[in-house]
Amino acid sequence: RREEVISLLEQKSKPYQCSKFPNIKILPFWHGTCKETIPSLCRAGYASLGIIDSGYYGKGIYTSDSASYSYPYSDGTLILNWVAVYSAYPVISDDGQTLMGKPNLDSHDAHFIPVASNGWPPNKGKPHVACELVVFDSASVLPQFIVTLE
């Protein structure tokens, strides 16, 4: 099952792959935030503060391939980022809450999670509605566009 998750990550990153760095996966992923954090974020970059919760899939910076999935974590302010990862840990339903509030697992620089509508990895054979990518170094996330919905 972890192989399927890695395959999904590779599929999502393939259109953005750089031939000079074929092992780096680059993805356009969304981050939901509050409008008042934008100046600080633009000045100093992301920080993994754990303001909303302790981090179900690790204490890091959360992004998603789905703007609608990221929206509930915002006040209507979404940021489209370029996120770069090298060795993402493929999270599956068997992992349960073992990553909650923890740093990156082993030597992985990110955790990649396909999620069902309940926010948890789907059981084997069930569909996912979005993917989350948790990174642990703010240098891995480059904000590109700020979108404010009213």
C-alpha atoms as a PDB file:
ATOM      1  CA  ARG A   1       0.000   0.000   0.000  1.00  0.00           C
ATOM      2  CA  ARG A   2       2.834   2.410   0.681  1.00  0.00           C
ATOM      3  CA  GLU A   3       4.035   1.775  -2.877  1.00  0.00           C
ATOM      4  CA  GLU A   4       0.636   2.988  -4.154  1.00  0.00           C
ATOM      5  CA  VAL A   5       0.962   6.200  -2.139  1.00  0.00           C
ATOM      6  CA  ILE A   6       4.481   6.829  -3.471  1.00  0.00           C
ATOM      7  CA  SER A   7       3.210   6.159  -6.990  1.00  0.00           C
ATOM      8  CA  LEU A   8       0.461   8.750  -6.462  1.00  0.00           C
ATOM      9  CA  LEU A   9       3.029  11.328  -5.302  1.00  0.00           C
ATOM     10  CA  GLU A  10       5.208  10.636  -8.327  1.00  0.00           C
ATOM     11  CA  GLN A  11       2.187  10.928 -10.628  1.00  0.00           C
ATOM     12  CA  LYS A  12       1.206  14.290  -9.130  1.00  0.00           C
ATOM     13  CA  SER A  13       4.746  15.678  -9.368  1.00  0.00           C
ATOM     14  CA  LYS A  14       5.601  14.361 -12.841  1.00  0.00           C
ATOM     15  CA  PRO A  15       4.266  17.381 -14.815  1.00  0.00           C
ATOM     16  CA  TYR A  16       6.579  19.681 -12.801  1.00  0.00           C
ATOM     17  CA  GLN A  17       9.698  17.502 -12.765  1.00  0.00           C
ATOM     18  CA  CYS A  18      12.988  19.238 -13.510  1.00  0.00           C
ATOM     19  CA  SER A  19      15.380  17.206 -15.655  1.00  0.00           C
ATOM     20  CA  LYS A  20      18.373  18.606 -13.751  1.00  0.00           C
ATOM     21  CA  PHE A  21      16.984  17.328 -10.430  1.00  0.00           C
ATOM     22  CA  PRO A  22      14.925  14.222 -11.263  1.00  0.00           C
ATOM     23  CA  ASN A  23      14.740  12.997  -7.636  1.00  0.00           C
ATOM     24  CA  ILE A  24      13.153  16.198  -6.350  1.00  0.00           C
ATOM     25  CA  LYS A  25       9.376  16.236  -6.462  1.00  0.00           C
ATOM     26  CA  ILE A  26       7.895  19.688  -7.040  1.00  0.00           C
ATOM     27  CA  LEU A  27       4.175  20.228  -6.554  1.00  0.00           C
ATOM     28  CA  PRO A  28       1.725  23.149  -6.609  1.00  0.00           C
ATOM     29  CA  PHE A  29      -0.095  22.729  -3.272  1.00  0.00           C
ATOM     30  CA  TRP A  30      -2.469  25.001  -1.332  1.00  0.00           C
ATOM     31  CA  HIS A  31      -2.199  26.309   2.217  1.00  0.00           C
ATOM     32  CA  GLY A  32      -5.162  27.820   4.063  1.00  0.00           C
ATOM     33  CA  THR A  33      -4.355  30.730   6.365  1.00  0.00           C
ATOM     34  CA  CYS A  34      -5.648  33.999   7.821  1.00  0.00           C
ATOM     35  CA  LYS A  35      -5.249  37.310   6.000  1.00  0.00           C
ATOM     36  CA  GLU A  36      -3.369  38.901   8.914  1.00  0.00           C
ATOM     37  CA  THR A  37      -0.556  36.302   8.685  1.00  0.00           C
ATOM     38  CA  ILE A  38       0.301  37.181   5.071  1.00  0.00           C
ATOM     39  CA  PRO A  39       2.762  40.062   5.797  1.00  0.00           C
ATOM     40  CA  SER A  40       4.740  37.913   8.241  1.00  0.00           C
ATOM     41  CA  LEU A  41       4.668  34.925   5.927  1.00  0.00           C
ATOM     42  CA  CYS A  42       5.923  37.016   3.000  1.00  0.00           C
ATOM     43  CA  ARG A  43       8.640  38.580   5.156  1.00  0.00           C
ATOM     44  CA  ALA A  44       9.910  35.519   7.056  1.00  0.00           C
ATOM     45  CA  GLY A  45       8.400  32.459   5.368  1.00  0.00           C
ATOM     46  CA  TYR A  46       6.353  29.658   6.844  1.00  0.00           C
ATOM     47  CA  ALA A  47       6.713  28.380  10.382  1.00  0.00           C
ATOM     48  CA  SER A  48       5.308  25.147  11.773  1.00  0.00           C
ATOM     49  CA  LEU A  49       3.554  26.651  14.745  1.00  0.00           C
ATOM     50  CA  GLY A  50       0.825  24.074  15.322  1.00  0.00           C
ATOM     51  CA  ILE A  51      -1.747  26.800  15.984  1.00  0.00           C
ATOM     52  CA  ILE A  52      -4.790  24.867  14.765  1.00  0.00           C
ATOM     53  CA  ASP A  53      -3.829  21.528  16.307  1.00  0.00           C
ATOM     54  CA  SER A  54      -0.751  19.476  17.187  1.00  0.00           C
ATOM     55  CA  GLY A  55      -0.526  18.126  13.655  1.00  0.00           C
ATOM     56  CA  TYR A  56      -2.187  14.788  12.913  1.00  0.00           C
ATOM     57  CA  TYR A  57       0.507  13.805  10.426  1.00  0.00           C
ATOM     58  CA  GLY A  58       3.453  15.509  12.097  1.00  0.00           C
ATOM     59  CA  LYS A  59       4.378  18.925  13.410  1.00  0.00           C
ATOM     60  CA  GLY A  60       5.115  20.681  10.158  1.00  0.00           C
ATOM     61  CA  ILE A  61       3.783  22.928   7.426  1.00  0.00           C
ATOM     62  CA  TYR A  62       0.586  21.563   5.887  1.00  0.00           C
ATOM     63  CA  THR A  63      -0.369  21.879   2.238  1.00  0.00           C
ATOM     64  CA  SER A  64      -2.907  20.139   0.016  1.00  0.00           C
ATOM     65  CA  ASP A  65      -3.470  19.538  -3.671  1.00  0.00           C
ATOM     66  CA  SER A  66      -7.055  20.722  -3.161  1.00  0.00           C
ATOM     67  CA  ALA A  67      -8.021  24.347  -2.543  1.00  0.00           C
ATOM     68  CA  SER A  68     -11.417  23.221  -1.246  1.00  0.00           C
ATOM     69  CA  TYR A  69      -9.716  20.889   1.248  1.00  0.00           C
ATOM     70  CA  SER A  70      -7.453  23.730   2.466  1.00  0.00           C
ATOM     71  CA  TYR A  71     -10.268  26.286   2.657  1.00  0.00           C
ATOM     72  CA  PRO A  72     -11.691  25.238   6.095  1.00  0.00           C
ATOM     73  CA  TYR A  73      -8.260  25.980   7.607  1.00  0.00           C
ATOM     74  CA  SER A  74      -8.502  29.588   6.446  1.00  0.00           C
ATOM     75  CA  ASP A  75     -10.496  32.779   6.785  1.00  0.00           C
ATOM     76  CA  GLY A  76     -10.920  32.674   3.007  1.00  0.00           C
ATOM     77  CA  THR A  77      -7.216  33.287   2.323  1.00  0.00           C
ATOM     78  CA  LEU A  78      -5.425  30.570   0.381  1.00  0.00           C
ATOM     79  CA  ILE A  79      -1.841  30.468  -0.840  1.00  0.00           C
ATOM     80  CA  LEU A  80      -0.746  28.425  -3.813  1.00  0.00           C
ATOM     81  CA  ASN A  81       2.819  27.285  -3.164  1.00  0.00           C
ATOM     82  CA  TRP A  82       5.514  25.381  -4.942  1.00  0.00           C
ATOM     83  CA  VAL A  83       6.503  22.605  -2.543  1.00  0.00           C
ATOM     84  CA  ALA A  84       9.692  20.596  -3.046  1.00  0.00           C
ATOM     85  CA  VAL A  85      10.352  17.221  -1.420  1.00  0.00           C
ATOM     86  CA  TYR A  86      12.968  14.538  -1.847  1.00  0.00           C
ATOM     87  CA  SER A  87      11.935  11.642   0.358  1.00  0.00           C
ATOM     88  CA  ALA A  88       8.317  11.785   1.488  1.00  0.00           C
ATOM     89  CA  TYR A  89       7.047   9.164   3.911  1.00  0.00           C
ATOM     90  CA  PRO A  90       3.896   7.530   2.465  1.00  0.00           C
ATOM     91  CA  VAL A  91       1.230   7.638   5.194  1.00  0.00           C
ATOM     92  CA  ILE A  92      -1.448   4.918   5.119  1.00  0.00           C
ATOM     93  CA  SER A  93      -4.449   4.088   7.305  1.00  0.00           C
ATOM     94  CA  ASP A  94      -2.394   1.605   9.351  1.00  0.00           C
ATOM     95  CA  ASP A  95      -0.282   4.504  10.650  1.00  0.00           C
ATOM     96  CA  GLY A  96      -3.223   5.751  12.741  1.00  0.00           C
ATOM     97  CA  GLN A  97      -2.174   8.582  15.018  1.00  0.00           C
ATOM     98  CA  THR A  98       1.473   7.511  15.345  1.00  0.00           C
ATOM     99  CA  LEU A  99       2.710  10.720  13.665  1.00  0.00           C
ATOM    100  CA  MET A 100       0.591  13.162  15.679  1.00  0.00           C
ATOM    101  CA  GLY A 101       2.652  16.095  16.929  1.00  0.00           C
ATOM    102  CA  LYS A 102       5.921  14.411  15.947  1.00  0.00           C
ATOM    103  CA  PRO A 103       8.747  15.690  13.744  1.00  0.00           C
ATOM    104  CA  ASN A 104       9.580  14.103  10.410  1.00  0.00           C
ATOM    105  CA  LEU A 105       9.831  10.332  10.487  1.00  0.00           C
ATOM    106  CA  ASP A 106      13.343   8.908  10.166  1.00  0.00           C
ATOM    107  CA  SER A 107      15.216  10.580   7.307  1.00  0.00           C
ATOM    108  CA  HIS A 108      12.099  11.653   5.391  1.00  0.00           C
ATOM    109  CA  ASP A 109      11.756  15.367   4.624  1.00  0.00           C
ATOM    110  CA  ALA A 110       7.962  15.201   4.306  1.00  0.00           C
ATOM    111  CA  HIS A 111       4.882  13.082   4.967  1.00  0.00           C
ATOM    112  CA  PHE A 112       2.511  12.487   2.027  1.00  0.00           C
ATOM    113  CA  ILE A 113      -1.063  11.520   2.844  1.00  0.00           C
ATOM    114  CA  PRO A 114      -3.975  10.713   0.534  1.00  0.00           C
ATOM    115  CA  VAL A 115      -7.057  11.506   2.649  1.00  0.00           C
ATOM    116  CA  ALA A 116     -10.703  10.457   2.586  1.00  0.00           C
ATOM    117  CA  SER A 117     -13.542  12.911   3.243  1.00  0.00           C
ATOM    118  CA  ASN A 118     -13.081  12.402   7.008  1.00  0.00           C
ATOM    119  CA  GLY A 119      -9.467  13.665   6.831  1.00  0.00           C
ATOM    120  CA  TRP A 120      -7.896  10.254   7.491  1.00  0.00           C
ATOM    121  CA  PRO A 121      -6.105   8.001   5.009  1.00  0.00           C
ATOM    122  CA  PRO A 122      -8.692   5.803   3.297  1.00  0.00           C
ATOM    123  CA  ASN A 123      -8.765   2.084   3.924  1.00  0.00           C
ATOM    124  CA  LYS A 124      -7.292  -0.122   1.212  1.00  0.00           C
ATOM    125  CA  GLY A 125      -9.310   0.056  -1.990  1.00  0.00           C
ATOM    126  CA  LYS A 126     -11.261   3.170  -0.939  1.00  0.00           C
ATOM    127  CA  PRO A 127     -10.891   6.487  -2.814  1.00  0.00           C
ATOM    128  CA  HIS A 128      -9.170   9.610  -1.552  1.00  0.00           C
ATOM    129  CA  VAL A 129     -10.640  13.115  -1.960  1.00  0.00           C
ATOM    130  CA  ALA A 130      -7.403  15.074  -1.565  1.00  0.00           C
ATOM    131  CA  CYS A 131      -3.749  14.706  -0.661  1.00  0.00           C
ATOM    132  CA  GLU A 132      -1.895  16.414   2.153  1.00  0.00           C
ATOM    133  CA  LEU A 133       1.813  17.093   2.140  1.00  0.00           C
ATOM    134  CA  VAL A 134       3.504  17.978   5.419  1.00  0.00           C
ATOM    135  CA  VAL A 135       7.008  19.412   5.159  1.00  0.00           C
ATOM    136  CA  PHE A 136       9.361  20.164   8.017  1.00  0.00           C
ATOM    137  CA  ASP A 137      11.604  22.841   6.542  1.00  0.00           C
ATOM    138  CA  SER A 138      10.144  26.193   5.508  1.00  0.00           C
ATOM    139  CA  ALA A 139      12.692  26.381   2.670  1.00  0.00           C
ATOM    140  CA  SER A 140      10.682  23.595   0.991  1.00  0.00           C
ATOM    141  CA  VAL A 141       7.666  25.876   0.489  1.00  0.00           C
ATOM    142  CA  LEU A 142       7.686  28.825  -1.907  1.00  0.00           C
ATOM    143  CA  PRO A 143       4.507  30.940  -1.896  1.00  0.00           C
ATOM    144  CA  GLN A 144       3.442  31.809  -5.441  1.00  0.00           C
ATOM    145  CA  PHE A 145      -0.092  33.220  -5.367  1.00  0.00           C
ATOM    146  CA  ILE A 146      -2.356  34.577  -2.633  1.00  0.00           C
ATOM    147  CA  VAL A 147      -6.067  34.085  -3.229  1.00  0.00           C
ATOM    148  CA  THR A 148      -8.658  35.777  -1.034  1.00  0.00           C
ATOM    149  CA  LEU A 149     -12.264  34.575  -1.238  1.00  0.00           C
ATOM    150  CA  GLU A 150     -15.070  36.694   0.137  1.00  0.00           C
END
